[in-house]
Amino acid sequence: MNNLKNLRGTVDLLPDQLIKWQNVEKIVLEQLARASIKEIRTPILEMTELFIRGIGEGTDVVSKEMYTFLDRGERSCTLRPEGTASVARALIQNGISSNPFQKLWYMGPMFRYERPQAGRQRQFHQLGVEFIGYESVRSDVEIIALAWDILGKLGIKELNLEINSLGDIDDRLNFQKSFLKWLEKNKDSLDLDSQNRINKNPLRILDSKNMQTKKALENAPILFNFLSEKSHKRYSDLKKQLNVLQIPYVENFNLVRGLDYYTHTAFEITSCALGSQATVCGGGRYDNLIKQMGGPNTPAIGFAIGLERLILLAGKDLEVPRNTDIYIINQGLIAESLAMDLSRKLRNYDLLVELDLSGASFSKQFKKANKLKSKSIIVIGDDEAANKEFIIRLFDHSGNANKEEVISFENDIKLEKWLKINLLSK
């Protein structure tokens, strides 16, 4: 029988790899907490209709990339490909009108049927932040600054912020008329996929990754030139406030986000740290999405960061594990029982304590403690158990024992004093 393997585009994250993941997540969550952003959790599995209405039927995500199936009740279900539509649905369903202003974050697995490559899997993890109910340019600036600061805190180098304005619905309609005329004249210069979109969702062509089409679009009308005076002012205010915060940016009038619900501000943060420019974070304003999905008219803006790519880019120092504080070496029936009780007591001091459960010889247990680079060890054998005491030994940075003490199991004061001097104060 063949060995079972994971599906293509999915990966197992093993303990050594998760050290960096956990360190990255810890820093991210600290930054979010400092900004008073609250967590929301939505189901991984949603009704397919949610994403058709929320993301847009003509998008690549909905038409090509979703994992969709009929359940036993003949309902069309989809593994979520992104988080914003689910957050919008949850807010509508749970009464958004009772709390119209919210700052939310989510983190978890998403699913898209794409070609697997470095930093991109079919099951991937995403951090998302959504500011709900906020209409001012200040909210755009705050959310961009938050994303910028998170990436900087993780030690990611060579960051570039690109911004654009997609205008409001009227701006888009005015642009679309001119764009359609251009498309009809230049249809033959587009790839087949883009040609098929002309009568379905022509604005999606702007997001084409096909080099032939991208070359042709260099001569196409630009959405930015169709913005109203109001949209221009909003975009100008955005730039002014980014300048005040000294966040550098580049204007990219070809920047459109890959989902239909974006309006006004669109942005991406890229990095060349992996050798070629890669998008680390993308986001924008979606003032019409919640109303489009059946909720009240609610402005909103958000961003998403792919964690796989974030892990590749984050600083190497985040790969360093926290060493075990105390490794408990024990042998003998009574010693094992005493060691179990002592390990529970020591963990109450917020120390990393590993109790050896192998039953191996003392020498093998010592080797394991040395391999883990434990800061200290406790030894409990038959003699120590008989005397109701244990040996605690501290190691220096070179792994040499430089301090040893014998402590009674009943002398909690002496134990606490030793811990404070040698481990808790470090």
Protein backbone atom coordinates (compact mmCIF):
# COMPACT_ATOMS: atom_id res chain seq x y z
CA MET A 1 0.00 0.00 0.00
CA ASN A 2 1.30 3.47 -0.89
CA ASN A 3 2.04 5.83 1.97
CA LEU A 4 -0.56 8.56 2.41
CA LYS A 5 0.71 12.06 1.66
CA ASN A 6 -0.65 15.55 2.04
CA LEU A 7 -2.42 17.19 -0.90
CA ARG A 8 -0.36 19.28 -3.32
CA GLY A 9 -0.32 22.87 -2.20
CA THR A 10 -0.65 22.02 1.49
CA VAL A 11 2.20 21.69 3.98
CA ASP A 12 2.82 20.25 7.43
CA LEU A 13 4.25 22.79 9.84
CA LEU A 14 6.58 20.91 12.20
CA PRO A 15 7.67 22.02 15.69
CA ASP A 16 11.03 23.51 14.62
CA GLN A 17 9.36 25.49 11.82
CA LEU A 18 6.62 26.74 14.12
CA ILE A 19 9.11 28.51 16.38
CA LYS A 20 9.34 31.32 13.83
CA TRP A 21 5.60 31.23 13.13
CA GLN A 22 4.81 31.61 16.82
CA ASN A 23 7.33 34.42 17.28
CA VAL A 24 5.94 36.29 14.26
CA GLU A 25 2.35 35.82 15.44
CA LYS A 26 3.28 37.03 18.94
CA ILE A 27 4.73 40.29 17.58
CA VAL A 28 1.76 40.81 15.25
CA LEU A 29 -0.79 40.25 18.01
CA GLU A 30 1.07 42.61 20.35
CA GLN A 31 0.90 45.36 17.71
CA LEU A 32 -2.81 44.76 17.14
CA ALA A 33 -3.55 44.81 20.88
CA ARG A 34 -1.70 48.12 21.27
CA ALA A 35 -3.95 49.59 18.57
CA SER A 36 -7.07 48.34 20.44
CA ILE A 37 -8.12 46.07 17.58
CA LYS A 38 -10.39 43.18 18.57
CA GLU A 39 -10.38 39.63 17.22
CA ILE A 40 -13.25 38.11 15.23
CA ARG A 41 -13.49 34.43 14.22
CA THR A 42 -15.69 33.27 11.37
CA PRO A 43 -16.26 29.75 9.94
CA ILE A 44 -13.82 28.31 7.44
CA LEU A 45 -16.80 26.91 5.53
CA GLU A 46 -19.38 29.32 4.07
CA MET A 47 -22.23 29.24 1.57
CA THR A 48 -20.83 29.74 -1.95
CA GLU A 49 -23.30 32.55 -2.60
CA LEU A 50 -21.47 34.70 -0.03
CA PHE A 51 -18.33 34.88 -2.16
CA ILE A 52 -20.20 35.23 -5.47
CA ARG A 53 -22.00 38.29 -4.10
CA GLY A 54 -19.12 39.58 -2.00
CA ILE A 55 -16.02 39.06 -4.14
CA GLY A 56 -17.65 39.15 -7.58
CA GLU A 57 -18.64 36.39 -9.99
CA GLY A 58 -16.26 37.58 -12.70
CA THR A 59 -13.14 37.51 -10.52
CA ASP A 60 -10.46 34.85 -10.90
CA VAL A 61 -10.98 33.90 -7.26
CA VAL A 62 -14.65 32.97 -7.76
CA SER A 63 -14.45 31.65 -11.33
CA LYS A 64 -11.21 29.64 -11.11
CA GLU A 65 -9.77 29.30 -7.63
CA MET A 66 -12.45 28.38 -5.08
CA TYR A 67 -12.82 24.98 -3.42
CA THR A 68 -16.57 24.47 -3.84
CA PHE A 69 -18.72 21.38 -3.30
CA LEU A 70 -22.27 20.24 -2.57
CA ASP A 71 -22.82 19.01 0.97
CA ARG A 72 -25.21 16.19 1.88
CA GLY A 73 -28.06 18.67 1.99
CA GLU A 74 -27.32 19.64 -1.65
CA ARG A 75 -26.14 23.09 -0.53
CA SER A 76 -23.23 24.69 -2.38
CA CYS A 77 -20.44 25.29 0.15
CA THR A 78 -17.00 26.85 -0.24
CA LEU A 79 -13.82 26.82 1.81
CA ARG A 80 -13.18 30.52 2.37
CA PRO A 81 -10.71 32.02 -0.15
CA GLU A 82 -10.41 35.29 1.83
CA GLY A 83 -11.74 36.80 5.05
CA THR A 84 -13.41 40.14 4.34
CA ALA A 85 -16.66 38.76 2.91
CA SER A 86 -17.04 36.45 5.92
CA VAL A 87 -16.48 39.33 8.34
CA ALA A 88 -19.09 41.42 6.50
CA ARG A 89 -21.57 38.53 6.63
CA ALA A 90 -20.94 38.00 10.35
CA LEU A 91 -21.50 41.68 11.14
CA ILE A 92 -24.75 41.82 9.14
CA GLN A 93 -26.02 38.58 10.68
CA ASN A 94 -25.20 39.64 14.24
CA GLY A 95 -26.57 43.19 14.04
CA ILE A 96 -23.97 45.65 12.80
CA SER A 97 -26.30 48.58 13.52
CA SER A 98 -25.91 48.04 17.27
CA ASN A 99 -22.16 48.71 17.00
CA PRO A 100 -21.44 50.47 13.68
CA PHE A 101 -17.81 51.40 14.49
CA GLN A 102 -15.49 48.43 14.92
CA LYS A 103 -11.80 47.65 14.45
CA LEU A 104 -11.34 43.92 13.92
CA TRP A 105 -8.65 41.39 13.07
CA TYR A 106 -8.69 37.73 12.10
CA MET A 107 -6.05 35.12 11.40
CA GLY A 108 -6.43 31.66 9.94
CA PRO A 109 -6.33 29.32 6.94
CA MET A 110 -7.75 30.27 3.53
CA PHE A 111 -8.05 28.11 0.41
CA ARG A 112 -7.43 28.86 -3.28
CA TYR A 113 -6.71 26.48 -6.13
CA GLU A 114 -3.53 28.17 -7.41
CA ARG A 115 -0.19 26.95 -8.69
CA PRO A 116 1.93 26.32 -5.56
CA GLN A 117 5.15 28.35 -5.32
CA ALA A 118 7.42 29.87 -2.68
CA GLY A 119 5.28 31.71 -0.17
CA ARG A 120 2.02 30.67 -1.86
CA GLN A 121 0.08 27.49 -1.13
CA ARG A 122 -3.43 26.23 -1.84
CA GLN A 123 -4.09 26.22 1.87
CA PHE A 124 -2.49 29.39 3.16
CA HIS A 125 -2.73 31.52 6.28
CA GLN A 126 -3.83 35.12 6.29
CA LEU A 127 -3.91 37.98 8.76
CA GLY A 128 -6.69 40.46 8.05
CA VAL A 129 -7.58 43.78 9.65
CA GLU A 130 -10.89 45.55 9.00
CA PHE A 131 -11.99 49.03 10.14
CA ILE A 132 -15.80 49.02 9.93
CA GLY A 133 -17.92 52.19 9.88
CA TYR A 134 -15.03 54.62 9.43
CA GLU A 135 -15.29 56.92 6.40
CA SER A 136 -12.57 59.53 6.96
CA VAL A 137 -9.21 59.59 5.22
CA ARG A 138 -7.68 59.32 8.69
CA SER A 139 -8.91 55.73 8.91
CA ASP A 140 -7.19 54.97 5.58
CA VAL A 141 -3.95 56.45 6.90
CA GLU A 142 -4.18 54.64 10.24
CA ILE A 143 -4.69 51.25 8.65
CA ILE A 144 -1.80 51.79 6.20
CA ALA A 145 0.42 52.95 9.08
CA LEU A 146 -0.57 49.88 11.11
CA ALA A 147 0.40 47.51 8.29
CA TRP A 148 3.67 49.43 7.73
CA ASP A 149 4.55 49.30 11.43
CA ILE A 150 3.78 45.58 11.76
CA LEU A 151 6.08 44.74 8.85
CA GLY A 152 8.80 47.02 10.22
CA LYS A 153 8.52 45.47 13.67
CA LEU A 154 9.17 42.06 12.10
CA GLY A 155 12.44 43.29 10.62
CA ILE A 156 11.32 43.06 6.99
CA LYS A 157 13.67 45.03 4.75
CA GLU A 158 13.28 46.94 1.47
CA LEU A 159 9.60 47.77 1.96
CA ASN A 160 7.77 49.80 -0.69
CA LEU A 161 4.28 51.24 -0.32
CA GLU A 162 2.27 51.74 -3.52
CA ILE A 163 -1.00 53.71 -3.46
CA ASN A 164 -3.79 54.57 -5.89
CA SER A 165 -7.37 55.79 -5.89
CA LEU A 166 -10.07 53.73 -7.58
CA GLY A 167 -12.67 56.48 -7.09
CA ASP A 168 -16.33 55.93 -6.31
CA ILE A 169 -18.97 54.07 -8.33
CA ASP A 170 -19.73 57.06 -10.59
CA ASP A 171 -16.02 57.53 -11.33
CA ARG A 172 -15.74 53.86 -12.27
CA LEU A 173 -18.80 54.03 -14.58
CA ASN A 174 -17.41 57.07 -16.40
CA PHE A 175 -14.07 55.33 -16.82
CA GLN A 176 -15.69 52.09 -17.93
CA LYS A 177 -17.42 53.80 -20.89
CA SER A 178 -14.09 55.11 -22.19
CA PHE A 179 -12.29 51.87 -21.38
CA LEU A 180 -14.86 49.78 -23.28
CA LYS A 181 -14.36 51.88 -26.40
CA TRP A 182 -10.62 51.35 -26.14
CA LEU A 183 -11.07 47.61 -25.58
CA GLU A 184 -13.21 47.23 -28.70
CA LYS A 185 -10.54 48.94 -30.80
CA ASN A 186 -7.66 47.00 -29.25
CA LYS A 187 -9.31 43.64 -28.65
CA ASP A 188 -6.82 41.72 -30.78
CA SER A 189 -3.87 42.92 -28.67
CA LEU A 190 -5.30 41.24 -25.55
CA ASP A 191 -4.91 37.64 -24.42
CA LEU A 192 -7.91 35.34 -24.91
CA ASP A 193 -8.90 35.39 -21.24
CA SER A 194 -9.06 39.20 -21.24
CA GLN A 195 -11.04 39.22 -24.51
CA ASN A 196 -13.66 37.02 -22.86
CA ARG A 197 -13.99 39.51 -20.02
CA ILE A 198 -14.83 42.54 -22.19
CA ASN A 199 -18.59 41.95 -22.03
CA LYS A 200 -18.62 40.36 -18.57
CA ASN A 201 -16.36 42.36 -16.26
CA PRO A 202 -14.05 44.66 -18.23
CA LEU A 203 -12.44 46.25 -15.17
CA ARG A 204 -10.97 42.85 -14.28
CA ILE A 205 -8.73 43.19 -17.36
CA LEU A 206 -6.80 45.91 -15.52
CA ASP A 207 -5.63 43.25 -13.07
CA SER A 208 -4.37 40.86 -15.76
CA LYS A 209 -1.00 39.20 -15.14
CA ASN A 210 -0.58 38.30 -18.82
CA MET A 211 2.46 40.13 -20.23
CA GLN A 212 0.85 40.64 -23.66
CA THR A 213 -2.18 42.32 -22.09
CA LYS A 214 -0.10 44.32 -19.62
CA LYS A 215 1.90 45.71 -22.54
CA ALA A 216 -1.28 46.66 -24.41
CA LEU A 217 -2.75 48.35 -21.32
CA GLU A 218 0.13 50.82 -21.26
CA ASN A 219 -1.79 52.80 -23.90
CA ALA A 220 -5.24 52.37 -22.33
CA PRO A 221 -7.20 55.08 -20.49
CA ILE A 222 -6.25 55.40 -16.81
CA LEU A 223 -8.93 55.24 -14.12
CA PHE A 224 -7.19 57.96 -12.13
CA ASN A 225 -7.89 60.49 -14.90
CA PHE A 226 -11.65 59.96 -14.45
CA LEU A 227 -11.80 60.75 -10.74
CA SER A 228 -14.23 63.42 -9.60
CA GLU A 229 -13.04 66.52 -7.76
CA LYS A 230 -14.23 64.96 -4.51
CA SER A 231 -12.26 61.74 -5.14
CA HIS A 232 -9.16 63.75 -6.09
CA LYS A 233 -9.38 65.73 -2.85
CA ARG A 234 -9.68 62.55 -0.81
CA TYR A 235 -6.61 61.10 -2.51
CA SER A 236 -4.67 64.35 -2.01
CA ASP A 237 -5.54 64.32 1.70
CA LEU A 238 -4.31 60.72 1.93
CA LYS A 239 -0.92 61.69 0.52
CA LYS A 240 -0.61 64.71 2.80
CA GLN A 241 -1.27 62.65 5.92
CA LEU A 242 1.16 59.92 4.85
CA ASN A 243 3.77 62.66 4.39
CA VAL A 244 3.10 63.94 7.92
CA LEU A 245 3.74 60.43 9.28
CA GLN A 246 6.87 60.19 7.10
CA ILE A 247 5.67 56.97 5.49
CA PRO A 248 7.25 56.87 2.01
CA TYR A 249 5.03 55.88 -0.90
CA VAL A 250 4.97 55.55 -4.67
CA GLU A 251 1.90 56.37 -6.75
CA ASN A 252 0.94 53.51 -9.04
CA PHE A 253 -2.07 54.41 -11.19
CA ASN A 254 -2.14 50.88 -12.58
CA LEU A 255 -2.68 49.41 -9.13
CA VAL A 256 -6.08 47.76 -8.87
CA ARG A 257 -6.90 45.15 -6.29
CA GLY A 258 -7.98 41.70 -7.44
CA LEU A 259 -11.46 41.82 -5.88
CA ASP A 260 -14.49 43.74 -7.13
CA TYR A 261 -15.51 45.42 -3.89
CA TYR A 262 -12.72 48.03 -3.62
CA THR A 263 -13.38 51.81 -3.89
CA HIS A 264 -11.21 54.90 -3.40
CA THR A 265 -7.96 54.00 -1.59
CA ALA A 266 -6.08 50.92 -2.78
CA PHE A 267 -2.61 50.04 -1.57
CA GLU A 268 0.04 47.34 -1.62
CA ILE A 269 3.24 46.92 0.36
CA THR A 270 5.97 45.02 -1.46
CA SER A 271 9.49 43.88 -0.63
CA CYS A 272 12.49 42.97 -2.79
CA ALA A 273 14.16 41.13 0.08
CA LEU A 274 13.59 37.73 -1.56
CA GLY A 275 15.29 38.81 -4.78
CA SER A 276 12.24 39.91 -6.75
CA GLN A 277 9.45 42.27 -5.83
CA ALA A 278 6.75 40.40 -3.94
CA THR A 279 3.50 41.70 -2.47
CA VAL A 280 3.49 41.29 1.30
CA CYS A 281 0.33 43.21 2.13
CA GLY A 282 -2.63 44.44 0.11
CA GLY A 283 -5.74 46.35 1.01
CA GLY A 284 -8.16 49.11 0.31
CA ARG A 285 -11.51 50.72 0.96
CA TYR A 286 -14.78 48.86 0.32
CA ASP A 287 -17.59 51.28 1.14
CA ASN A 288 -20.29 49.41 -0.80
CA LEU A 289 -19.66 45.78 0.18
CA ILE A 290 -21.80 45.53 3.31
CA LYS A 291 -24.78 47.24 1.63
CA GLN A 292 -24.27 45.04 -1.45
CA MET A 293 -24.56 41.98 0.81
CA GLY A 294 -27.83 43.12 2.38
CA GLY A 295 -26.61 45.19 5.30
CA PRO A 296 -26.84 48.92 6.03
CA ASN A 297 -24.75 51.43 4.09
CA THR A 298 -21.42 51.05 5.93
CA PRO A 299 -18.01 52.43 4.92
CA ALA A 300 -15.02 50.19 5.61
CA ILE A 301 -11.34 49.67 4.85
CA GLY A 302 -9.02 46.74 5.46
CA PHE A 303 -5.86 44.86 4.55
CA ALA A 304 -4.63 41.30 4.40
CA ILE A 305 -1.14 39.84 4.87
CA GLY A 306 -0.20 36.34 3.72
CA LEU A 307 1.61 34.69 6.62
CA GLU A 308 3.62 32.23 4.51
CA ARG A 309 5.31 35.09 2.67
CA LEU A 310 5.63 37.02 5.92
CA ILE A 311 7.50 34.09 7.49
CA LEU A 312 9.93 33.98 4.55
CA LEU A 313 10.67 37.70 4.91
CA ALA A 314 10.75 38.10 8.69
CA GLY A 315 14.09 38.52 10.46
CA LYS A 316 16.28 35.47 11.11
CA ASP A 317 16.41 36.25 14.83
CA LEU A 318 12.77 35.15 15.06
CA GLU A 319 13.88 31.57 14.30
CA VAL A 320 15.73 31.28 17.62
CA PRO A 321 13.79 29.15 20.12
CA ARG A 322 13.49 30.04 23.77
CA ASN A 323 15.72 27.60 25.62
CA THR A 324 14.33 25.29 28.27
CA ASP A 325 14.75 26.88 31.70
CA ILE A 326 14.86 23.65 33.71
CA TYR A 327 15.26 20.05 32.57
CA ILE A 328 14.28 17.54 35.26
CA ILE A 329 16.37 14.36 35.24
CA ASN A 330 14.80 11.59 37.31
CA GLN A 331 15.09 7.86 37.87
CA GLY A 332 13.38 5.54 40.32
CA LEU A 333 9.73 5.05 41.25
CA ILE A 334 9.60 7.54 44.13
CA ALA A 335 11.89 9.99 42.30
CA GLU A 336 9.59 9.99 39.26
CA SER A 337 6.56 10.84 41.40
CA LEU A 338 8.43 13.65 43.18
CA ALA A 339 9.70 14.98 39.83
CA MET A 340 6.17 15.12 38.42
CA ASP A 341 4.94 17.15 41.38
CA LEU A 342 7.97 19.48 41.26
CA SER A 343 7.55 20.15 37.52
CA ARG A 344 3.99 21.39 38.09
CA LYS A 345 5.16 23.69 40.88
CA LEU A 346 7.97 25.16 38.75
CA ARG A 347 5.67 25.89 35.79
CA ASN A 348 3.65 28.19 38.03
CA TYR A 349 6.67 30.54 37.89
CA ASP A 350 6.17 30.90 34.10
CA LEU A 351 9.30 28.85 33.43
CA LEU A 352 9.84 26.43 30.54
CA VAL A 353 10.19 23.13 32.35
CA GLU A 354 10.69 19.77 30.65
CA LEU A 355 10.24 16.59 32.65
CA ASP A 356 12.13 13.61 31.24
CA LEU A 357 9.65 10.74 30.87
CA SER A 358 11.95 8.36 29.01
CA GLY A 359 13.07 6.24 31.95
CA ALA A 360 16.52 6.21 30.32
CA SER A 361 19.83 6.15 32.17
CA PHE A 362 21.12 9.28 33.88
CA SER A 363 23.81 9.71 31.21
CA LYS A 364 21.25 9.69 28.37
CA GLN A 365 19.04 12.15 30.22
CA PHE A 366 22.05 14.44 30.77
CA LYS A 367 22.82 14.28 27.03
CA LYS A 368 19.22 15.25 26.20
CA ALA A 369 19.38 18.25 28.55
CA ASN A 370 22.67 19.30 26.98
CA LYS A 371 21.24 18.98 23.45
CA LEU A 372 18.32 21.23 24.41
CA LYS A 373 20.79 23.77 25.87
CA SER A 374 18.75 23.88 29.04
CA LYS A 375 19.70 26.76 31.32
CA SER A 376 19.62 24.47 34.35
CA ILE A 377 18.87 20.91 35.38
CA ILE A 378 17.33 19.25 38.40
CA VAL A 379 18.50 15.76 39.36
CA ILE A 380 16.34 13.40 41.43
CA GLY A 381 17.54 9.84 41.96
CA ASP A 382 16.90 7.24 44.65
CA ASP A 383 19.30 8.92 47.11
CA GLU A 384 17.73 12.35 46.64
CA ALA A 385 14.23 10.87 46.93
CA ALA A 386 15.16 9.11 50.18
CA ASN A 387 16.45 12.41 51.62
CA LYS A 388 13.45 14.36 50.22
CA GLU A 389 15.73 16.73 48.35
CA PHE A 390 16.92 17.48 44.82
CA ILE A 391 20.05 18.84 43.16
CA ILE A 392 19.63 21.96 41.00
CA ARG A 393 22.50 22.94 38.72
CA LEU A 394 22.90 26.14 36.66
CA PHE A 395 24.86 26.32 33.39
CA ASP A 396 26.69 29.26 31.82
CA HIS A 397 26.39 30.29 28.14
CA SER A 398 29.10 27.77 27.21
CA GLY A 399 27.18 24.90 28.79
CA ASN A 400 29.49 24.56 31.79
CA ALA A 401 28.01 24.02 35.25
CA ASN A 402 28.84 27.06 37.38
CA LYS A 403 26.46 26.79 40.32
CA GLU A 404 24.94 23.84 42.17
CA GLU A 405 22.72 23.62 45.21
CA VAL A 406 20.84 20.96 47.16
CA ILE A 407 17.30 22.00 48.10
CA SER A 408 14.70 20.20 50.23
CA PHE A 409 11.35 19.49 48.64
CA GLU A 410 9.77 21.16 51.65
CA ASN A 411 11.86 24.34 51.48
CA ASP A 412 9.79 26.47 49.07
CA ILE A 413 11.41 29.69 50.31
CA LYS A 414 14.91 28.52 49.38
CA LEU A 415 13.72 27.26 45.98
CA GLU A 416 11.98 30.54 45.16
CA LYS A 417 15.04 32.55 46.20
CA TRP A 418 17.27 30.42 43.93
CA LEU A 419 14.87 30.82 41.00
CA LYS A 420 14.66 34.60 41.44
CA ILE A 421 18.44 35.00 41.52
CA ASN A 422 19.32 32.62 38.69
CA LEU A 423 16.37 32.33 36.29
CA LEU A 424 13.53 34.76 36.96
CA SER A 425 15.75 37.86 36.95
CA LYS A 426 17.44 37.05 33.62
